[in-house]
Amino acid sequence: MPRMSGQTAALAIGTDSPNVLAGKLFEFVPRQWRRGAALRLLAATTAAGGVGAQAKFKIDQQVIVDAENISYAARYPVIPDDQLAVHWAPAGARLFLIFNGGPAGATVNWALDVEPA
């Protein structure tokens, strides 16, 4: 199963990151995966100071996760503790993943598993 992962730069208080999936190999679900893809989103902040960090996840214009608080486990995200969403995306869909630093600012570790359906 392909995985995209990364770490955001420290987010200023109350500001959004750019789409962290932009330019990644599976920013767009491959059209040859005619049945689409199963997705699993994981995220955790790197320190307790990241309390209040939030995630936004969209598939094309469909909002899957909207400003949900994420774990402040101070580590790389693990299944199932830091799982934010499990969803399906159609072939050719564009994926958007954006983080907000919340009231305390944060750095976020994230992972998105993309598996052909």
N, C-alpha and C. Protein backbone atom coordinates (compact mmCIF):
# COMPACT_ATOMS: atom_id res chain seq x y z
N MET A 1 0.84 -1.16 0.00
CA MET A 1 0.00 0.00 0.00
C MET A 1 0.89 1.23 0.00
N PRO A 2 0.72 2.12 -0.98
CA PRO A 2 1.50 3.35 -1.00
C PRO A 2 1.18 4.23 0.19
N ARG A 3 2.20 4.92 0.70
CA ARG A 3 2.01 5.86 1.81
C ARG A 3 2.72 7.16 1.48
N MET A 4 2.02 8.25 1.73
CA MET A 4 2.63 9.57 1.66
C MET A 4 2.70 10.05 3.11
N SER A 5 3.80 10.68 3.48
CA SER A 5 3.92 11.17 4.85
C SER A 5 4.82 12.39 4.88
N GLY A 6 4.77 13.09 5.99
CA GLY A 6 5.61 14.27 6.12
C GLY A 6 5.42 14.94 7.45
N GLN A 7 6.08 16.08 7.59
CA GLN A 7 5.98 16.89 8.79
C GLN A 7 5.83 18.33 8.34
N THR A 8 4.85 19.02 8.91
CA THR A 8 4.69 20.42 8.56
C THR A 8 5.77 21.24 9.24
N ALA A 9 6.06 22.38 8.70
CA ALA A 9 6.90 23.35 9.41
C ALA A 9 6.07 23.84 10.59
N ALA A 10 6.71 24.45 11.55
CA ALA A 10 5.96 24.99 12.70
C ALA A 10 4.91 25.96 12.17
N LEU A 11 3.66 25.73 12.58
CA LEU A 11 2.56 26.56 12.12
C LEU A 11 2.37 27.73 13.07
N ALA A 12 2.25 28.91 12.52
CA ALA A 12 1.98 30.08 13.35
C ALA A 12 0.58 29.94 13.93
N ILE A 13 0.37 30.57 15.05
CA ILE A 13 -0.92 30.48 15.74
C ILE A 13 -2.05 30.89 14.81
N GLY A 14 -3.02 29.98 14.67
CA GLY A 14 -4.22 30.26 13.90
C GLY A 14 -4.05 30.31 12.40
N THR A 15 -2.91 29.87 11.85
CA THR A 15 -2.72 29.91 10.40
C THR A 15 -2.81 28.52 9.80
N ASP A 16 -3.20 28.45 8.53
CA ASP A 16 -3.31 27.18 7.82
C ASP A 16 -2.02 26.89 7.07
N SER A 17 -1.67 25.61 6.99
CA SER A 17 -0.57 25.17 6.13
C SER A 17 -1.07 25.18 4.69
N PRO A 18 -0.17 25.14 3.72
CA PRO A 18 -0.64 24.89 2.35
C PRO A 18 -1.08 23.43 2.26
N ASN A 19 -1.65 23.04 1.14
CA ASN A 19 -2.03 21.64 0.93
C ASN A 19 -0.74 20.80 0.96
N VAL A 20 -0.56 20.00 2.01
CA VAL A 20 0.68 19.24 2.16
C VAL A 20 0.81 18.11 1.13
N LEU A 21 -0.28 17.80 0.43
CA LEU A 21 -0.24 16.76 -0.60
C LEU A 21 0.13 17.31 -1.98
N ALA A 22 0.18 18.62 -2.12
CA ALA A 22 0.49 19.24 -3.41
C ALA A 22 1.85 18.77 -3.91
N GLY A 23 1.87 18.24 -5.12
CA GLY A 23 3.11 17.78 -5.73
C GLY A 23 3.50 16.36 -5.35
N LYS A 24 2.77 15.74 -4.44
CA LYS A 24 3.08 14.35 -4.05
C LYS A 24 2.59 13.40 -5.14
N LEU A 25 3.14 12.20 -5.15
CA LEU A 25 2.82 11.20 -6.18
C LEU A 25 1.33 10.90 -6.26
N PHE A 26 0.65 10.83 -5.13
CA PHE A 26 -0.77 10.49 -5.14
C PHE A 26 -1.66 11.66 -4.72
N GLU A 27 -1.26 12.88 -5.06
CA GLU A 27 -2.14 14.04 -4.86
C GLU A 27 -3.43 13.81 -5.63
N PHE A 28 -3.31 13.19 -6.80
CA PHE A 28 -4.46 12.78 -7.61
C PHE A 28 -4.51 11.26 -7.60
N VAL A 29 -5.68 10.69 -7.29
CA VAL A 29 -5.83 9.23 -7.34
C VAL A 29 -5.65 8.81 -8.80
N PRO A 30 -4.74 7.87 -9.08
CA PRO A 30 -4.48 7.47 -10.47
C PRO A 30 -5.74 7.04 -11.22
N ARG A 31 -5.90 7.54 -12.44
CA ARG A 31 -7.07 7.19 -13.25
C ARG A 31 -7.10 5.71 -13.61
N GLN A 32 -5.93 5.07 -13.67
CA GLN A 32 -5.91 3.65 -14.01
C GLN A 32 -6.46 2.79 -12.87
N TRP A 33 -6.61 3.36 -11.68
CA TRP A 33 -7.27 2.65 -10.58
C TRP A 33 -8.77 2.88 -10.72
N ARG A 34 -9.36 2.22 -11.67
CA ARG A 34 -10.75 2.47 -12.05
C ARG A 34 -11.75 2.38 -10.90
N ARG A 35 -11.44 1.59 -9.91
CA ARG A 35 -12.33 1.46 -8.74
C ARG A 35 -12.01 2.50 -7.67
N GLY A 36 -11.06 3.36 -7.92
CA GLY A 36 -10.68 4.38 -6.95
C GLY A 36 -9.69 3.85 -5.93
N ALA A 37 -9.66 4.46 -4.76
CA ALA A 37 -8.67 4.11 -3.74
C ALA A 37 -9.28 4.21 -2.35
N ALA A 38 -8.83 3.32 -1.48
CA ALA A 38 -9.15 3.39 -0.06
C ALA A 38 -8.08 4.27 0.59
N LEU A 39 -8.50 5.18 1.46
CA LEU A 39 -7.59 6.13 2.09
C LEU A 39 -7.64 5.98 3.61
N ARG A 40 -6.50 6.13 4.26
CA ARG A 40 -6.44 6.18 5.73
C ARG A 40 -5.56 7.37 6.10
N LEU A 41 -6.11 8.30 6.86
CA LEU A 41 -5.40 9.51 7.27
C LEU A 41 -5.02 9.42 8.75
N LEU A 42 -3.74 9.68 9.04
CA LEU A 42 -3.22 9.69 10.41
C LEU A 42 -2.49 11.01 10.64
N ALA A 43 -2.58 11.53 11.87
CA ALA A 43 -1.85 12.76 12.18
C ALA A 43 -1.65 12.88 13.69
N ALA A 44 -0.51 13.47 14.07
CA ALA A 44 -0.22 13.75 15.48
C ALA A 44 0.73 14.95 15.55
N THR A 45 0.53 15.79 16.54
CA THR A 45 1.46 16.90 16.73
C THR A 45 2.71 16.38 17.42
N THR A 46 3.79 17.11 17.31
CA THR A 46 5.07 16.64 17.83
C THR A 46 5.31 16.99 19.28
N ALA A 47 4.45 17.81 19.86
CA ALA A 47 4.65 18.19 21.27
C ALA A 47 3.33 18.63 21.87
N ALA A 48 3.24 18.54 23.18
CA ALA A 48 2.01 18.94 23.87
C ALA A 48 1.67 20.40 23.61
N GLY A 49 2.66 21.19 23.21
CA GLY A 49 2.40 22.59 22.87
C GLY A 49 1.52 22.72 21.63
N GLY A 50 1.34 21.61 20.92
CA GLY A 50 0.51 21.63 19.73
C GLY A 50 -0.96 21.41 20.01
N VAL A 51 -1.35 21.38 21.30
CA VAL A 51 -2.75 21.18 21.64
C VAL A 51 -3.59 22.19 20.88
N GLY A 52 -4.64 21.72 20.25
CA GLY A 52 -5.51 22.60 19.48
C GLY A 52 -5.23 22.57 17.99
N ALA A 53 -4.18 21.85 17.56
CA ALA A 53 -3.92 21.72 16.12
C ALA A 53 -5.09 20.98 15.48
N GLN A 54 -5.44 21.39 14.26
CA GLN A 54 -6.58 20.81 13.58
C GLN A 54 -6.22 20.39 12.17
N ALA A 55 -7.00 19.43 11.64
CA ALA A 55 -6.81 18.94 10.28
C ALA A 55 -8.06 19.17 9.46
N LYS A 56 -7.85 19.46 8.17
CA LYS A 56 -8.93 19.55 7.18
C LYS A 56 -8.55 18.63 6.03
N PHE A 57 -9.44 17.74 5.64
CA PHE A 57 -9.16 16.79 4.57
C PHE A 57 -10.33 16.79 3.60
N LYS A 58 -10.02 16.99 2.30
CA LYS A 58 -11.06 17.01 1.27
C LYS A 58 -10.67 16.09 0.13
N ILE A 59 -11.69 15.52 -0.49
CA ILE A 59 -11.54 14.76 -1.73
C ILE A 59 -12.31 15.55 -2.77
N ASP A 60 -11.59 16.14 -3.72
CA ASP A 60 -12.17 17.13 -4.64
C ASP A 60 -12.87 18.19 -3.78
N GLN A 61 -14.16 18.39 -3.92
CA GLN A 61 -14.86 19.41 -3.13
C GLN A 61 -15.60 18.81 -1.93
N GLN A 62 -15.51 17.49 -1.74
CA GLN A 62 -16.19 16.83 -0.62
C GLN A 62 -15.33 16.91 0.65
N VAL A 63 -15.86 17.54 1.68
CA VAL A 63 -15.14 17.66 2.94
C VAL A 63 -15.32 16.36 3.73
N ILE A 64 -14.18 15.76 4.11
CA ILE A 64 -14.20 14.51 4.87
C ILE A 64 -13.91 14.81 6.34
N VAL A 65 -12.91 15.62 6.60
CA VAL A 65 -12.56 16.05 7.96
C VAL A 65 -12.52 17.57 7.93
N ASP A 66 -13.28 18.20 8.82
CA ASP A 66 -13.35 19.66 8.81
C ASP A 66 -12.97 20.21 10.17
N ALA A 67 -11.75 20.73 10.28
CA ALA A 67 -11.28 21.38 11.50
C ALA A 67 -11.40 20.47 12.72
N GLU A 68 -10.95 19.22 12.59
CA GLU A 68 -10.97 18.27 13.70
C GLU A 68 -9.66 18.35 14.47
N ASN A 69 -9.74 18.31 15.79
CA ASN A 69 -8.53 18.29 16.61
C ASN A 69 -7.76 17.01 16.36
N ILE A 70 -6.44 17.12 16.39
CA ILE A 70 -5.61 15.94 16.19
C ILE A 70 -4.83 15.63 17.46
N SER A 71 -4.35 14.40 17.52
CA SER A 71 -3.61 13.91 18.68
C SER A 71 -2.36 14.75 18.94
N TYR A 72 -2.02 14.93 20.20
CA TYR A 72 -0.76 15.61 20.55
C TYR A 72 0.15 14.62 21.25
N ALA A 73 0.40 13.52 20.56
CA ALA A 73 1.15 12.40 21.11
C ALA A 73 2.66 12.58 21.07
N ALA A 74 3.16 13.63 20.44
CA ALA A 74 4.59 13.91 20.36
C ALA A 74 5.37 12.77 19.73
N ARG A 75 4.83 12.21 18.62
CA ARG A 75 5.49 11.11 17.91
C ARG A 75 4.92 11.01 16.49
N TYR A 76 5.50 10.10 15.72
CA TYR A 76 4.94 9.78 14.41
C TYR A 76 3.58 9.12 14.63
N PRO A 77 2.56 9.41 13.81
CA PRO A 77 1.24 8.85 14.04
C PRO A 77 1.19 7.33 13.86
N VAL A 78 0.38 6.67 14.69
CA VAL A 78 0.22 5.22 14.65
C VAL A 78 -1.25 4.86 14.52
N ILE A 79 -1.49 3.67 13.97
CA ILE A 79 -2.84 3.12 13.84
C ILE A 79 -3.13 2.34 15.12
N PRO A 80 -4.25 2.43 15.76
CA PRO A 80 -5.42 3.26 15.46
C PRO A 80 -5.43 4.58 16.22
N ASP A 81 -4.46 4.81 17.10
CA ASP A 81 -4.50 5.95 18.02
C ASP A 81 -4.66 7.30 17.32
N ASP A 82 -3.99 7.50 16.21
CA ASP A 82 -3.95 8.81 15.56
C ASP A 82 -4.71 8.84 14.23
N GLN A 83 -5.60 7.88 14.05
CA GLN A 83 -6.37 7.79 12.81
C GLN A 83 -7.48 8.83 12.81
N LEU A 84 -7.51 9.66 11.77
CA LEU A 84 -8.53 10.71 11.65
C LEU A 84 -9.67 10.31 10.72
N ALA A 85 -9.35 9.54 9.68
CA ALA A 85 -10.39 9.19 8.71
C ALA A 85 -9.99 7.96 7.91
N VAL A 86 -11.00 7.20 7.54
CA VAL A 86 -10.87 6.11 6.56
C VAL A 86 -11.97 6.39 5.55
N HIS A 87 -11.60 6.50 4.28
CA HIS A 87 -12.59 6.89 3.28
C HIS A 87 -12.19 6.32 1.93
N TRP A 88 -13.08 6.43 0.96
CA TRP A 88 -12.85 6.00 -0.41
C TRP A 88 -12.81 7.24 -1.30
N ALA A 89 -11.96 7.20 -2.33
CA ALA A 89 -11.89 8.29 -3.31
C ALA A 89 -11.96 7.72 -4.71
N PRO A 90 -12.70 8.37 -5.61
CA PRO A 90 -12.80 7.89 -6.99
C PRO A 90 -11.51 8.14 -7.77
N ALA A 91 -11.34 7.38 -8.83
CA ALA A 91 -10.19 7.57 -9.72
C ALA A 91 -10.18 9.00 -10.24
N GLY A 92 -9.01 9.62 -10.26
CA GLY A 92 -8.85 10.98 -10.77
C GLY A 92 -9.12 12.07 -9.75
N ALA A 93 -9.61 11.71 -8.55
CA ALA A 93 -9.92 12.72 -7.54
C ALA A 93 -8.65 13.39 -7.02
N ARG A 94 -8.77 14.68 -6.69
CA ARG A 94 -7.65 15.41 -6.08
C ARG A 94 -7.84 15.41 -4.57
N LEU A 95 -6.75 15.19 -3.84
CA LEU A 95 -6.78 15.13 -2.38
C LEU A 95 -6.16 16.40 -1.79
N PHE A 96 -6.80 16.93 -0.76
CA PHE A 96 -6.33 18.12 -0.06
C PHE A 96 -6.18 17.80 1.42
N LEU A 97 -5.04 18.13 2.00
CA LEU A 97 -4.80 17.95 3.43
C LEU A 97 -4.15 19.22 3.96
N ILE A 98 -4.85 19.90 4.86
CA ILE A 98 -4.41 21.18 5.39
C ILE A 98 -4.46 21.13 6.91
N PHE A 99 -3.46 21.70 7.57
CA PHE A 99 -3.42 21.75 9.03
C PHE A 99 -3.49 23.19 9.50
N ASN A 100 -4.06 23.38 10.69
CA ASN A 100 -4.13 24.69 11.33
C ASN A 100 -3.42 24.59 12.66
N GLY A 101 -2.59 25.58 12.98
CA GLY A 101 -1.80 25.56 14.21
C GLY A 101 -2.61 25.69 15.48
N GLY A 102 -3.88 26.08 15.38
CA GLY A 102 -4.69 26.23 16.58
C GLY A 102 -4.19 27.36 17.45
N PRO A 103 -4.69 27.44 18.68
CA PRO A 103 -4.34 28.57 19.53
C PRO A 103 -2.88 28.55 20.01
N ALA A 104 -2.25 27.38 20.02
CA ALA A 104 -0.88 27.31 20.55
C ALA A 104 0.18 27.11 19.47
N GLY A 105 -0.21 27.01 18.20
CA GLY A 105 0.74 26.72 17.15
C GLY A 105 1.14 25.25 17.24
N ALA A 106 1.72 24.67 16.18
CA ALA A 106 2.07 23.26 16.22
C ALA A 106 2.93 22.87 15.04
N THR A 107 3.63 21.77 15.19
CA THR A 107 4.26 21.05 14.09
C THR A 107 3.52 19.72 14.03
N VAL A 108 3.18 19.25 12.83
CA VAL A 108 2.35 18.06 12.70
C VAL A 108 3.06 17.00 11.88
N ASN A 109 3.11 15.77 12.40
CA ASN A 109 3.52 14.59 11.63
C ASN A 109 2.26 13.99 11.05
N TRP A 110 2.28 13.61 9.78
CA TRP A 110 1.10 13.06 9.15
C TRP A 110 1.45 11.92 8.21
N ALA A 111 0.47 11.08 7.93
CA ALA A 111 0.62 9.99 6.96
C ALA A 111 -0.73 9.74 6.29
N LEU A 112 -0.69 9.46 5.00
CA LEU A 112 -1.90 9.12 4.25
C LEU A 112 -1.60 7.85 3.45
N ASP A 113 -2.31 6.77 3.80
CA ASP A 113 -2.20 5.52 3.06
C ASP A 113 -3.20 5.57 1.91
N VAL A 114 -2.75 5.15 0.72
CA VAL A 114 -3.58 5.16 -0.48
C VAL A 114 -3.49 3.77 -1.08
N GLU A 115 -4.61 3.05 -1.10
CA GLU A 115 -4.60 1.67 -1.60
C GLU A 115 -5.62 1.51 -2.72
N PRO A 116 -5.21 0.95 -3.86
CA PRO A 116 -6.18 0.74 -4.93
C PRO A 116 -7.34 -0.11 -4.43
N ALA A 117 -8.57 0.30 -4.78
CA ALA A 117 -9.76 -0.44 -4.33
C ALA A 117 -10.00 -1.64 -5.22
